[in-house]
Structures are given as C-alpha cells and as structure tokens.
Amino acid sequence: MMSITLPWPPAQLSPNFRTRRTSWVASVRKTYRAKVAEAIWMRGVRPTDGLSLREIIFHPPNDKWDDDNGRSAFKAGRDALAEVLGVDDNSFNKIPQPWRAPVKDGAVVVMLDAP
C-alpha cells in the first residue's frame, strides 16, 4: 500500500465560492490539477504500475469546510489522479472517502494498492 498526501484544494474551487469570472476559476482549477499530478508523479506513480485507488481521506484546513464542498473542490485533483493512474475517474465512485479531523493547511491523503 502507498500513501500520498496531496495539497488541499483552493477555496476558489468550492461550489460556495462566488465569482463571475469563470475563466479565472478555470485557471485556478488547471493550476491545482497540475500541482496534484506533479505530487503523484514525484512519488514515482505511473499509469503502467497497475496501482488501484483504495481510499481518499479528506483532512480539511478548518471546521468551515463541509464534506460535500471539500469533495467537490477536489474534482480537479480527482481528475489528475485518474489521469496519472491511467483510469477513468468513474471507477472512483465506490471508493471510501472519509472526512477526518482538520489539519493545518488541510490535506487530501490518497491510499493506493499494488496489484
């Protein structure tokens, strides 16, 4: 089993964030997706490794985040994870996604299993 700690998604990716500049939010989403992909690549994960996602654990940065907004904000990170693993993110639908206690700056911990 491998554990990878990813950065918490920016508040701008929360469905509750209000802005009329969709192009600006798209830029934030693209930047976060690249940051998540890089963190996973830096751990040596490649699509050909055959790793499977076991669990996504959410540690919000504070009590202001609720579980549905945190999971929604992580959509770009989920897309990056699927891309690096070489799978369709639809396969993540039945993966446990527990919500845990807040940690400084927040974190999303991804647990991967080897074949």
PDB file of N, CA and C in Angstrom:
ATOM      1  N   MET A   1       0.843  -1.175   0.000  1.00  0.00           N
ATOM      2  CA  MET A   1       0.000   0.000   0.000  1.00  0.00           C
ATOM      3  C   MET A   1       0.893   1.244   0.000  1.00  0.00           C
ATOM      4  N   MET A   2       0.446   2.256  -0.719  1.00  0.00           N
ATOM      5  CA  MET A   2       1.183   3.518  -0.801  1.00  0.00           C
ATOM      6  C   MET A   2       0.252   4.653  -0.390  1.00  0.00           C
ATOM      7  N   SER A   3       0.791   5.579   0.382  1.00  0.00           N
ATOM      8  CA  SER A   3       0.038   6.749   0.821  1.00  0.00           C
ATOM      9  C   SER A   3       0.675   8.004   0.215  1.00  0.00           C
ATOM     10  N   ILE A   4      -0.148   8.852  -0.394  1.00  0.00           N
ATOM     11  CA  ILE A   4       0.338  10.105  -0.972  1.00  0.00           C
ATOM     12  C   ILE A   4      -0.492  11.243  -0.398  1.00  0.00           C
ATOM     13  N   THR A   5       0.181  12.210   0.204  1.00  0.00           N
ATOM     14  CA  THR A   5      -0.503  13.372   0.761  1.00  0.00           C
ATOM     15  C   THR A   5      -0.490  14.497  -0.267  1.00  0.00           C
ATOM     16  N   LEU A   6      -1.684  14.939  -0.613  1.00  0.00           N
ATOM     17  CA  LEU A   6      -1.861  15.983  -1.620  1.00  0.00           C
ATOM     18  C   LEU A   6      -2.314  17.274  -0.954  1.00  0.00           C
ATOM     19  N   PRO A   7      -2.057  18.408  -1.592  1.00  0.00           N
ATOM     20  CA  PRO A   7      -2.497  19.679  -1.012  1.00  0.00           C
ATOM     21  C   PRO A   7      -4.017  19.805  -1.029  1.00  0.00           C
ATOM     22  N   TRP A   8      -4.542  20.536  -0.057  1.00  0.00           N
ATOM     23  CA  TRP A   8      -5.968  20.815  -0.002  1.00  0.00           C
ATOM     24  C   TRP A   8      -6.339  21.725  -1.172  1.00  0.00           C
ATOM     25  N   PRO A   9      -7.495  21.509  -1.799  1.00  0.00           N
ATOM     26  CA  PRO A   9      -7.872  22.367  -2.925  1.00  0.00           C
ATOM     27  C   PRO A   9      -8.101  23.820  -2.506  1.00  0.00           C
ATOM     28  N   PRO A  10      -7.804  24.751  -3.378  1.00  0.00           N
ATOM     29  CA  PRO A  10      -8.028  26.168  -3.080  1.00  0.00           C
ATOM     30  C   PRO A  10      -9.514  26.450  -2.835  1.00  0.00           C
ATOM     31  N   ALA A  11      -9.802  27.398  -1.975  1.00  0.00           N
ATOM     32  CA  ALA A  11     -11.183  27.773  -1.659  1.00  0.00           C
ATOM     33  C   ALA A  11     -11.951  28.189  -2.906  1.00  0.00           C
ATOM     34  N   GLN A  12     -11.263  28.711  -3.913  1.00  0.00           N
ATOM     35  CA  GLN A  12     -11.916  29.156  -5.144  1.00  0.00           C
ATOM     36  C   GLN A  12     -12.570  27.999  -5.896  1.00  0.00           C
ATOM     37  N   LEU A  13     -12.196  26.756  -5.594  1.00  0.00           N
ATOM     38  CA  LEU A  13     -12.779  25.601  -6.269  1.00  0.00           C
ATOM     39  C   LEU A  13     -14.009  25.056  -5.548  1.00  0.00           C
ATOM     40  N   SER A  14     -14.323  25.617  -4.402  1.00  0.00           N
ATOM     41  CA  SER A  14     -15.523  25.212  -3.672  1.00  0.00           C
ATOM     42  C   SER A  14     -16.762  25.682  -4.417  1.00  0.00           C
ATOM     43  N   PRO A  15     -17.817  24.877  -4.444  1.00  0.00           N
ATOM     44  CA  PRO A  15     -19.060  25.322  -5.084  1.00  0.00           C
ATOM     45  C   PRO A  15     -19.657  26.567  -4.413  1.00  0.00           C
ATOM     46  N   ASN A  16     -19.281  26.828  -3.171  1.00  0.00           N
ATOM     47  CA  ASN A  16     -19.795  28.004  -2.460  1.00  0.00           C
ATOM     48  C   ASN A  16     -19.047  29.288  -2.793  1.00  0.00           C
ATOM     49  N   PHE A  17     -17.926  29.170  -3.487  1.00  0.00           N
ATOM     50  CA  PHE A  17     -17.161  30.360  -3.844  1.00  0.00           C
ATOM     51  C   PHE A  17     -17.892  31.116  -4.938  1.00  0.00           C
ATOM     52  N   ARG A  18     -18.058  32.391  -4.761  1.00  0.00           N
ATOM     53  CA  ARG A  18     -18.824  33.189  -5.722  1.00  0.00           C
ATOM     54  C   ARG A  18     -17.919  34.139  -6.500  1.00  0.00           C
ATOM     55  N   THR A  19     -17.977  33.983  -7.811  1.00  0.00           N
ATOM     56  CA  THR A  19     -17.282  34.900  -8.707  1.00  0.00           C
ATOM     57  C   THR A  19     -17.981  34.843 -10.057  1.00  0.00           C
ATOM     58  N   ARG A  20     -17.866  35.882 -10.800  1.00  0.00           N
ATOM     59  CA  ARG A  20     -18.425  35.884 -12.151  1.00  0.00           C
ATOM     60  C   ARG A  20     -17.350  35.647 -13.200  1.00  0.00           C
ATOM     61  N   ARG A  21     -16.157  35.439 -12.773  1.00  0.00           N
ATOM     62  CA  ARG A  21     -15.040  35.239 -13.693  1.00  0.00           C
ATOM     63  C   ARG A  21     -14.750  33.747 -13.847  1.00  0.00           C
ATOM     64  N   THR A  22     -15.475  33.089 -14.704  1.00  0.00           N
ATOM     65  CA  THR A  22     -15.287  31.659 -14.874  1.00  0.00           C
ATOM     66  C   THR A  22     -13.918  31.320 -15.455  1.00  0.00           C
ATOM     67  N   SER A  23     -13.366  32.204 -16.267  1.00  0.00           N
ATOM     68  CA  SER A  23     -12.043  31.938 -16.831  1.00  0.00           C
ATOM     69  C   SER A  23     -10.984  31.955 -15.727  1.00  0.00           C
ATOM     70  N   TRP A  24     -11.177  32.815 -14.742  1.00  0.00           N
ATOM     71  CA  TRP A  24     -10.236  32.875 -13.618  1.00  0.00           C
ATOM     72  C   TRP A  24     -10.301  31.589 -12.801  1.00  0.00           C
ATOM     73  N   VAL A  25     -11.508  31.081 -12.535  1.00  0.00           N
ATOM     74  CA  VAL A  25     -11.663  29.833 -11.787  1.00  0.00           C
ATOM     75  C   VAL A  25     -11.077  28.673 -12.597  1.00  0.00           C
ATOM     76  N   ALA A  26     -11.241  28.694 -13.897  1.00  0.00           N
ATOM     77  CA  ALA A  26     -10.674  27.648 -14.749  1.00  0.00           C
ATOM     78  C   ALA A  26      -9.151  27.624 -14.619  1.00  0.00           C
ATOM     79  N   SER A  27      -8.561  28.791 -14.500  1.00  0.00           N
ATOM     80  CA  SER A  27      -7.111  28.878 -14.330  1.00  0.00           C
ATOM     81  C   SER A  27      -6.687  28.283 -12.981  1.00  0.00           C
ATOM     82  N   VAL A  28      -7.448  28.561 -11.934  1.00  0.00           N
ATOM     83  CA  VAL A  28      -7.164  28.003 -10.606  1.00  0.00           C
ATOM     84  C   VAL A  28      -7.293  26.485 -10.652  1.00  0.00           C
ATOM     85  N   ARG A  29      -8.332  25.997 -11.313  1.00  0.00           N
ATOM     86  CA  ARG A  29      -8.565  24.558 -11.445  1.00  0.00           C
ATOM     87  C   ARG A  29      -7.406  23.896 -12.185  1.00  0.00           C
ATOM     88  N   LYS A  30      -6.961  24.502 -13.270  1.00  0.00           N
ATOM     89  CA  LYS A  30      -5.859  23.949 -14.071  1.00  0.00           C
ATOM     90  C   LYS A  30      -4.562  23.903 -13.255  1.00  0.00           C
ATOM     91  N   THR A  31      -4.298  24.954 -12.510  1.00  0.00           N
ATOM     92  CA  THR A  31      -3.095  25.015 -11.673  1.00  0.00           C
ATOM     93  C   THR A  31      -3.126  23.950 -10.588  1.00  0.00           C
ATOM     94  N   TYR A  32      -4.279  23.797  -9.927  1.00  0.00           N
ATOM     95  CA  TYR A  32      -4.396  22.790  -8.863  1.00  0.00           C
ATOM     96  C   TYR A  32      -4.257  21.380  -9.437  1.00  0.00           C
ATOM     97  N   ARG A  33      -4.866  21.137 -10.578  1.00  0.00           N
ATOM     98  CA  ARG A  33      -4.772  19.816 -11.216  1.00  0.00           C
ATOM     99  C   ARG A  33      -3.316  19.476 -11.524  1.00  0.00           C
ATOM    100  N   ALA A  34      -2.580  20.446 -12.043  1.00  0.00           N
ATOM    101  CA  ALA A  34      -1.161  20.225 -12.357  1.00  0.00           C
ATOM    102  C   ALA A  34      -0.351  19.975 -11.082  1.00  0.00           C
ATOM    103  N   LYS A  35      -0.677  20.683 -10.020  1.00  0.00           N
ATOM    104  CA  LYS A  35       0.039  20.523  -8.746  1.00  0.00           C
ATOM    105  C   LYS A  35      -0.191  19.117  -8.171  1.00  0.00           C
ATOM    106  N   VAL A  36      -1.421  18.634  -8.254  1.00  0.00           N
ATOM    107  CA  VAL A  36      -1.738  17.286  -7.765  1.00  0.00           C
ATOM    108  C   VAL A  36      -1.038  16.236  -8.623  1.00  0.00           C
ATOM    109  N   ALA A  37      -1.111  16.375  -9.929  1.00  0.00           N
ATOM    110  CA  ALA A  37      -0.455  15.419 -10.822  1.00  0.00           C
ATOM    111  C   ALA A  37       1.047  15.369 -10.552  1.00  0.00           C
ATOM    112  N   GLU A  38       1.647  16.534 -10.369  1.00  0.00           N
ATOM    113  CA  GLU A  38       3.089  16.577 -10.093  1.00  0.00           C
ATOM    114  C   GLU A  38       3.429  15.869  -8.786  1.00  0.00           C
ATOM    115  N   ALA A  39       2.600  16.074  -7.744  1.00  0.00           N
ATOM    116  CA  ALA A  39       2.851  15.420  -6.454  1.00  0.00           C
ATOM    117  C   ALA A  39       2.789  13.896  -6.587  1.00  0.00           C
ATOM    118  N   ILE A  40       1.868  13.421  -7.395  1.00  0.00           N
ATOM    119  CA  ILE A  40       1.731  11.973  -7.588  1.00  0.00           C
ATOM    120  C   ILE A  40       2.897  11.437  -8.426  1.00  0.00           C
ATOM    121  N   TRP A  41       3.250  12.154  -9.492  1.00  0.00           N
ATOM    122  CA  TRP A  41       4.389  11.750 -10.333  1.00  0.00           C
ATOM    123  C   TRP A  41       5.686  11.731  -9.527  1.00  0.00           C
ATOM    124  N   MET A  42       5.840  12.709  -8.631  1.00  0.00           N
ATOM    125  CA  MET A  42       7.063  12.784  -7.818  1.00  0.00           C
ATOM    126  C   MET A  42       7.216  11.564  -6.906  1.00  0.00           C
ATOM    127  N   ARG A  43       6.122  10.896  -6.592  1.00  0.00           N
ATOM    128  CA  ARG A  43       6.181   9.666  -5.792  1.00  0.00           C
ATOM    129  C   ARG A  43       6.483   8.452  -6.655  1.00  0.00           C
ATOM    130  N   GLY A  44       6.658   8.659  -7.947  1.00  0.00           N
ATOM    131  CA  GLY A  44       7.039   7.580  -8.844  1.00  0.00           C
ATOM    132  C   GLY A  44       5.886   6.787  -9.437  1.00  0.00           C
ATOM    133  N   VAL A  45       4.654   7.280  -9.272  1.00  0.00           N
ATOM    134  CA  VAL A  45       3.487   6.577  -9.800  1.00  0.00           C
ATOM    135  C   VAL A  45       3.376   6.811 -11.300  1.00  0.00           C
ATOM    136  N   ARG A  46       3.149   5.722 -12.041  1.00  0.00           N
ATOM    137  CA  ARG A  46       2.988   5.790 -13.488  1.00  0.00           C
ATOM    138  C   ARG A  46       1.753   4.989 -13.888  1.00  0.00           C
ATOM    139  N   PRO A  47       1.120   5.323 -15.017  1.00  0.00           N
ATOM    140  CA  PRO A  47      -0.082   4.591 -15.446  1.00  0.00           C
ATOM    141  C   PRO A  47       0.151   3.089 -15.617  1.00  0.00           C
ATOM    142  N   THR A  48       1.357   2.714 -15.942  1.00  0.00           N
ATOM    143  CA  THR A  48       1.654   1.299 -16.190  1.00  0.00           C
ATOM    144  C   THR A  48       1.892   0.501 -14.913  1.00  0.00           C
ATOM    145  N   ASP A  49       1.890   1.160 -13.747  1.00  0.00           N
ATOM    146  CA  ASP A  49       2.156   0.464 -12.486  1.00  0.00           C
ATOM    147  C   ASP A  49       1.022  -0.459 -12.064  1.00  0.00           C
ATOM    148  N   GLY A  50      -0.191  -0.228 -12.579  1.00  0.00           N
ATOM    149  CA  GLY A  50      -1.326  -1.066 -12.215  1.00  0.00           C
ATOM    150  C   GLY A  50      -1.852  -0.808 -10.814  1.00  0.00           C
ATOM    151  N   LEU A  51      -1.490   0.321 -10.216  1.00  0.00           N
ATOM    152  CA  LEU A  51      -1.976   0.642  -8.877  1.00  0.00           C
ATOM    153  C   LEU A  51      -3.472   0.945  -8.927  1.00  0.00           C
ATOM    154  N   SER A  52      -4.164   0.627  -7.854  1.00  0.00           N
ATOM    155  CA  SER A  52      -5.592   0.941  -7.777  1.00  0.00           C
ATOM    156  C   SER A  52      -5.851   1.821  -6.558  1.00  0.00           C
ATOM    157  N   LEU A  53      -6.841   2.655  -6.678  1.00  0.00           N
ATOM    158  CA  LEU A  53      -7.203   3.564  -5.600  1.00  0.00           C
ATOM    159  C   LEU A  53      -7.971   2.804  -4.535  1.00  0.00           C
ATOM    160  N   ARG A  54      -7.525   2.917  -3.304  1.00  0.00           N
ATOM    161  CA  ARG A  54      -8.181   2.230  -2.193  1.00  0.00           C
ATOM    162  C   ARG A  54      -9.086   3.173  -1.401  1.00  0.00           C
ATOM    163  N   GLU A  55      -8.601   4.412  -1.183  1.00  0.00           N
ATOM    164  CA  GLU A  55      -9.339   5.347  -0.335  1.00  0.00           C
ATOM    165  C   GLU A  55      -8.815   6.760  -0.564  1.00  0.00           C
ATOM    166  N   ILE A  56      -9.711   7.741  -0.415  1.00  0.00           N
ATOM    167  CA  ILE A  56      -9.335   9.154  -0.436  1.00  0.00           C
ATOM    168  C   ILE A  56      -9.774   9.725   0.904  1.00  0.00           C
ATOM    169  N   ILE A  57      -8.826  10.187   1.704  1.00  0.00           N
ATOM    170  CA  ILE A  57      -9.115  10.692   3.050  1.00  0.00           C
ATOM    171  C   ILE A  57      -8.979  12.208   3.053  1.00  0.00           C
ATOM    172  N   PHE A  58     -10.034  12.882   3.477  1.00  0.00           N
ATOM    173  CA  PHE A  58     -10.063  14.343   3.495  1.00  0.00           C
ATOM    174  C   PHE A  58      -9.807  14.881   4.902  1.00  0.00           C
ATOM    175  N   HIS A  59      -8.795  15.739   5.016  1.00  0.00           N
ATOM    176  CA  HIS A  59      -8.490  16.455   6.256  1.00  0.00           C
ATOM    177  C   HIS A  59      -8.614  17.944   5.942  1.00  0.00           C
ATOM    178  N   PRO A  60      -9.763  18.560   6.252  1.00  0.00           N
ATOM    179  CA  PRO A  60      -9.943  19.974   5.907  1.00  0.00           C
ATOM    180  C   PRO A  60      -9.000  20.877   6.701  1.00  0.00           C
ATOM    181  N   PRO A  61      -8.781  22.096   6.221  1.00  0.00           N
ATOM    182  CA  PRO A  61      -7.904  23.021   6.933  1.00  0.00           C
ATOM    183  C   PRO A  61      -8.564  23.631   8.180  1.00  0.00           C
ATOM    184  N   ASN A  62      -9.895  23.573   8.234  1.00  0.00           N
ATOM    185  CA  ASN A  62     -10.619  24.123   9.386  1.00  0.00           C
ATOM    186  C   ASN A  62     -12.045  23.568   9.389  1.00  0.00           C
ATOM    187  N   ASP A  63     -12.809  23.964  10.407  1.00  0.00           N
ATOM    188  CA  ASP A  63     -14.189  23.475  10.536  1.00  0.00           C
ATOM    189  C   ASP A  63     -15.176  24.173   9.615  1.00  0.00           C
ATOM    190  N   LYS A  64     -14.726  25.145   8.835  1.00  0.00           N
ATOM    191  CA  LYS A  64     -15.622  25.862   7.931  1.00  0.00           C
ATOM    192  C   LYS A  64     -15.986  25.037   6.695  1.00  0.00           C
ATOM    193  N   TRP A  65     -15.159  24.064   6.378  1.00  0.00           N
ATOM    194  CA  TRP A  65     -15.415  23.205   5.215  1.00  0.00           C
ATOM    195  C   TRP A  65     -16.358  22.092   5.622  1.00  0.00           C
ATOM    196  N   ASP A  66     -17.307  21.762   4.741  1.00  0.00           N
ATOM    197  CA  ASP A  66     -18.108  20.571   4.977  1.00  0.00           C
ATOM    198  C   ASP A  66     -17.757  19.544   3.902  1.00  0.00           C
ATOM    199  N   ASP A  67     -18.209  18.325   4.123  1.00  0.00           N
ATOM    200  CA  ASP A  67     -17.743  17.233   3.266  1.00  0.00           C
ATOM    201  C   ASP A  67     -18.128  17.374   1.796  1.00  0.00           C
ATOM    202  N   ASP A  68     -19.338  17.834   1.499  1.00  0.00           N
ATOM    203  CA  ASP A  68     -19.708  17.914   0.077  1.00  0.00           C
ATOM    204  C   ASP A  68     -18.941  19.000  -0.661  1.00  0.00           C
ATOM    205  N   ASN A  69     -18.641  20.123  -0.002  1.00  0.00           N
ATOM    206  CA  ASN A  69     -17.851  21.171  -0.652  1.00  0.00           C
ATOM    207  C   ASN A  69     -16.392  20.749  -0.819  1.00  0.00           C
ATOM    208  N   GLY A  70     -15.858  20.042   0.165  1.00  0.00           N
ATOM    209  CA  GLY A  70     -14.477  19.561   0.059  1.00  0.00           C
ATOM    210  C   GLY A  70     -14.300  18.572  -1.074  1.00  0.00           C
ATOM    211  N   ARG A  71     -15.247  17.649  -1.171  1.00  0.00           N
ATOM    212  CA  ARG A  71     -15.169  16.650  -2.243  1.00  0.00           C
ATOM    213  C   ARG A  71     -15.360  17.296  -3.615  1.00  0.00           C
ATOM    214  N   SER A  72     -16.264  18.252  -3.690  1.00  0.00           N
ATOM    215  CA  SER A  72     -16.488  18.956  -4.963  1.00  0.00           C
ATOM    216  C   SER A  72     -15.267  19.781  -5.365  1.00  0.00           C
ATOM    217  N   ALA A  73     -14.655  20.443  -4.393  1.00  0.00           N
ATOM    218  CA  ALA A  73     -13.471  21.254  -4.677  1.00  0.00           C
ATOM    219  C   ALA A  73     -12.310  20.380  -5.150  1.00  0.00           C
ATOM    220  N   PHE A  74     -12.300  19.111  -4.741  1.00  0.00           N
ATOM    221  CA  PHE A  74     -11.219  18.194  -5.113  1.00  0.00           C
ATOM    222  C   PHE A  74     -11.406  17.590  -6.509  1.00  0.00           C
ATOM    223  N   LYS A  75     -12.458  17.952  -7.226  1.00  0.00           N
ATOM    224  CA  LYS A  75     -12.737  17.373  -8.549  1.00  0.00           C
ATOM    225  C   LYS A  75     -11.523  17.472  -9.484  1.00  0.00           C
ATOM    226  N   ALA A  76     -10.864  18.605  -9.515  1.00  0.00           N
ATOM    227  CA  ALA A  76      -9.680  18.746 -10.374  1.00  0.00           C
ATOM    228  C   ALA A  76      -8.572  17.805  -9.918  1.00  0.00           C
ATOM    229  N   GLY A  77      -8.431  17.614  -8.609  1.00  0.00           N
ATOM    230  CA  GLY A  77      -7.441  16.678  -8.084  1.00  0.00           C
ATOM    231  C   GLY A  77      -7.787  15.244  -8.432  1.00  0.00           C
ATOM    232  N   ARG A  78      -9.056  14.936  -8.383  1.00  0.00           N
ATOM    233  CA  ARG A  78      -9.538  13.600  -8.747  1.00  0.00           C
ATOM    234  C   ARG A  78      -9.254  13.313 -10.221  1.00  0.00           C
ATOM    235  N   ASP A  79      -9.458  14.320 -11.068  1.00  0.00           N
ATOM    236  CA  ASP A  79      -9.158  14.167 -12.496  1.00  0.00           C
ATOM    237  C   ASP A  79      -7.666  13.913 -12.713  1.00  0.00           C
ATOM    238  N   ALA A  80      -6.833  14.635 -11.979  1.00  0.00           N
ATOM    239  CA  ALA A  80      -5.384  14.445 -12.097  1.00  0.00           C
ATOM    240  C   ALA A  80      -4.989  13.043 -11.634  1.00  0.00           C
ATOM    241  N   LEU A  81      -5.576  12.596 -10.531  1.00  0.00           N
ATOM    242  CA  LEU A  81      -5.294  11.261 -10.011  1.00  0.00           C
ATOM    243  C   LEU A  81      -5.665  10.192 -11.037  1.00  0.00           C
ATOM    244  N   ALA A  82      -6.837  10.319 -11.635  1.00  0.00           N
ATOM    245  CA  ALA A  82      -7.278   9.358 -12.650  1.00  0.00           C
ATOM    246  C   ALA A  82      -6.336   9.356 -13.849  1.00  0.00           C
ATOM    247  N   GLU A  83      -5.920  10.533 -14.262  1.00  0.00           N
ATOM    248  CA  GLU A  83      -5.013  10.645 -15.411  1.00  0.00           C
ATOM    249  C   GLU A  83      -3.676   9.961 -15.129  1.00  0.00           C
ATOM    250  N   VAL A  84      -3.116  10.207 -13.952  1.00  0.00           N
ATOM    251  CA  VAL A  84      -1.818   9.613 -13.621  1.00  0.00           C
ATOM    252  C   VAL A  84      -1.936   8.095 -13.472  1.00  0.00           C
ATOM    253  N   LEU A  85      -3.053   7.625 -12.904  1.00  0.00           N
ATOM    254  CA  LEU A  85      -3.236   6.177 -12.752  1.00  0.00           C
ATOM    255  C   LEU A  85      -3.619   5.503 -14.069  1.00  0.00           C
ATOM    256  N   GLY A  86      -4.062   6.314 -15.048  1.00  0.00           N
ATOM    257  CA  GLY A  86      -4.459   5.768 -16.341  1.00  0.00           C
ATOM    258  C   GLY A  86      -5.810   5.071 -16.301  1.00  0.00           C
ATOM    259  N   VAL A  87      -6.734   5.622 -15.473  1.00  0.00           N
ATOM    260  CA  VAL A  87      -8.080   5.042 -15.361  1.00  0.00           C
ATOM    261  C   VAL A  87      -9.128   6.127 -15.552  1.00  0.00           C
ATOM    262  N   ASP A  88     -10.361   5.705 -15.723  1.00  0.00           N
ATOM    263  CA  ASP A  88     -11.487   6.631 -15.796  1.00  0.00           C
ATOM    264  C   ASP A  88     -11.891   6.983 -14.361  1.00  0.00           C
ATOM    265  N   ASP A  89     -12.074   8.264 -14.065  1.00  0.00           N
ATOM    266  CA  ASP A  89     -12.414   8.642 -12.691  1.00  0.00           C
ATOM    267  C   ASP A  89     -13.792   8.135 -12.267  1.00  0.00           C
ATOM    268  N   ASN A  90     -14.572   7.624 -13.200  1.00  0.00           N
ATOM    269  CA  ASN A  90     -15.843   6.998 -12.862  1.00  0.00           C
ATOM    270  C   ASN A  90     -15.625   5.771 -11.972  1.00  0.00           C
ATOM    271  N   SER A  91     -14.448   5.149 -12.084  1.00  0.00           N
ATOM    272  CA  SER A  91     -14.126   3.977 -11.265  1.00  0.00           C
ATOM    273  C   SER A  91     -13.931   4.339  -9.792  1.00  0.00           C
ATOM    274  N   PHE A  92     -13.849   5.632  -9.473  1.00  0.00           N
ATOM    275  CA  PHE A  92     -13.656   6.075  -8.087  1.00  0.00           C
ATOM    276  C   PHE A  92     -14.971   6.186  -7.318  1.00  0.00           C
ATOM    277  N   ASN A  93     -16.110   6.006  -7.985  1.00  0.00           N
ATOM    278  CA  ASN A  93     -17.410   6.240  -7.349  1.00  0.00           C
ATOM    279  C   ASN A  93     -17.667   5.390  -6.116  1.00  0.00           C
ATOM    280  N   LYS A  94     -17.131   4.192  -6.068  1.00  0.00           N
ATOM    281  CA  LYS A  94     -17.384   3.309  -4.931  1.00  0.00           C
ATOM    282  C   LYS A  94     -16.229   3.277  -3.934  1.00  0.00           C
ATOM    283  N   ILE A  95     -15.290   4.180  -4.089  1.00  0.00           N
ATOM    284  CA  ILE A  95     -14.126   4.253  -3.214  1.00  0.00           C
ATOM    285  C   ILE A  95     -14.520   4.991  -1.929  1.00  0.00           C
ATOM    286  N   PRO A  96     -14.150   4.466  -0.746  1.00  0.00           N
ATOM    287  CA  PRO A  96     -14.423   5.194   0.501  1.00  0.00           C
ATOM    288  C   PRO A  96     -13.723   6.561   0.499  1.00  0.00           C
ATOM    289  N   GLN A  97     -14.447   7.566   0.976  1.00  0.00           N
ATOM    290  CA  GLN A  97     -13.916   8.924   1.036  1.00  0.00           C
ATOM    291  C   GLN A  97     -14.238   9.535   2.402  1.00  0.00           C
ATOM    292  N   PRO A  98     -13.599   9.018   3.467  1.00  0.00           N
ATOM    293  CA  PRO A  98     -13.910   9.521   4.805  1.00  0.00           C
ATOM    294  C   PRO A  98     -13.460  10.966   5.021  1.00  0.00           C
ATOM    295  N   TRP A  99     -14.186  11.629   5.900  1.00  0.00           N
ATOM    296  CA  TRP A  99     -13.922  13.015   6.289  1.00  0.00           C
ATOM    297  C   TRP A  99     -13.348  12.966   7.695  1.00  0.00           C
ATOM    298  N   ARG A 100     -12.124  13.435   7.870  1.00  0.00           N
ATOM    299  CA  ARG A 100     -11.439  13.331   9.169  1.00  0.00           C
ATOM    300  C   ARG A 100     -11.242  14.702   9.794  1.00  0.00           C
ATOM    301  N   ALA A 101     -10.537  14.703  10.901  1.00  0.00           N
ATOM    302  CA  ALA A 101     -10.307  15.933  11.665  1.00  0.00           C
ATOM    303  C   ALA A 101      -9.467  16.924  10.852  1.00  0.00           C
ATOM    304  N   PRO A 102      -9.714  18.229  11.071  1.00  0.00           N
ATOM    305  CA  PRO A 102      -8.910  19.250  10.375  1.00  0.00           C
ATOM    306  C   PRO A 102      -7.428  19.156  10.740  1.00  0.00           C
ATOM    307  N   VAL A 103      -6.572  19.497   9.773  1.00  0.00           N
ATOM    308  CA  VAL A 103      -5.128  19.614  10.000  1.00  0.00           C
ATOM    309  C   VAL A 103      -4.675  20.953   9.434  1.00  0.00           C
ATOM    310  N   LYS A 104      -3.560  21.445   9.912  1.00  0.00           N
ATOM    311  CA  LYS A 104      -3.038  22.731   9.437  1.00  0.00           C
ATOM    312  C   LYS A 104      -2.875  22.704   7.917  1.00  0.00           C
ATOM    313  N   ASP A 105      -3.418  23.691   7.256  1.00  0.00           N
ATOM    314  CA  ASP A 105      -3.381  23.852   5.796  1.00  0.00           C
ATOM    315  C   ASP A 105      -4.219  22.816   5.031  1.00  0.00           C
ATOM    316  N   GLY A 106      -4.780  21.830   5.703  1.00  0.00           N
ATOM    317  CA  GLY A 106      -5.596  20.820   5.046  1.00  0.00           C
ATOM    318  C   GLY A 106      -4.766  19.848   4.228  1.00  0.00           C
ATOM    319  N   ALA A 107      -5.331  18.691   3.944  1.00  0.00           N
ATOM    320  CA  ALA A 107      -4.639  17.682   3.134  1.00  0.00           C
ATOM    321  C   ALA A 107      -5.655  16.683   2.607  1.00  0.00           C
ATOM    322  N   VAL A 108      -5.334  16.119   1.466  1.00  0.00           N
ATOM    323  CA  VAL A 108      -6.097  15.011   0.905  1.00  0.00           C
ATOM    324  C   VAL A 108      -5.107  13.853   0.798  1.00  0.00           C
ATOM    325  N   VAL A 109      -5.388  12.771   1.516  1.00  0.00           N
ATOM    326  CA  VAL A 109      -4.491  11.623   1.531  1.00  0.00           C
ATOM    327  C   VAL A 109      -5.079  10.531   0.641  1.00  0.00           C
ATOM    328  N   VAL A 110      -4.296  10.094  -0.321  1.00  0.00           N
ATOM    329  CA  VAL A 110      -4.725   9.067  -1.276  1.00  0.00           C
ATOM    330  C   VAL A 110      -4.001   7.769  -0.928  1.00  0.00           C
ATOM    331  N   MET A 111      -4.789   6.709  -0.760  1.00  0.00           N
ATOM    332  CA  MET A 111      -4.231   5.394  -0.468  1.00  0.00           C
ATOM    333  C   MET A 111      -4.330   4.535  -1.728  1.00  0.00           C
ATOM    334  N   LEU A 112      -3.205   4.012  -2.176  1.00  0.00           N
ATOM    335  CA  LEU A 112      -3.144   3.199  -3.388  1.00  0.00           C
ATOM    336  C   LEU A 112      -2.705   1.785  -3.041  1.00  0.00           C
ATOM    337  N   ASP A 113      -3.252   0.806  -3.758  1.00  0.00           N
ATOM    338  CA  ASP A 113      -2.874  -0.598  -3.587  1.00  0.00           C
ATOM    339  C   ASP A 113      -2.127  -1.084  -4.816  1.00  0.00           C
ATOM    340  N   ALA A 114      -1.113  -1.894  -4.581  1.00  0.00           N
ATOM    341  CA  ALA A 114      -0.377  -2.516  -5.677  1.00  0.00           C
ATOM    342  C   ALA A 114      -1.167  -3.721  -6.173  1.00  0.00           C
ATOM    343  N   PRO A 115      -0.979  -4.101  -7.435  1.00  0.00           N
ATOM    344  CA  PRO A 115      -1.713  -5.266  -7.973  1.00  0.00           C
ATOM    345  C   PRO A 115      -1.277  -6.560  -7.300  1.00  0.00           C
TER     346      PRO A 115
END
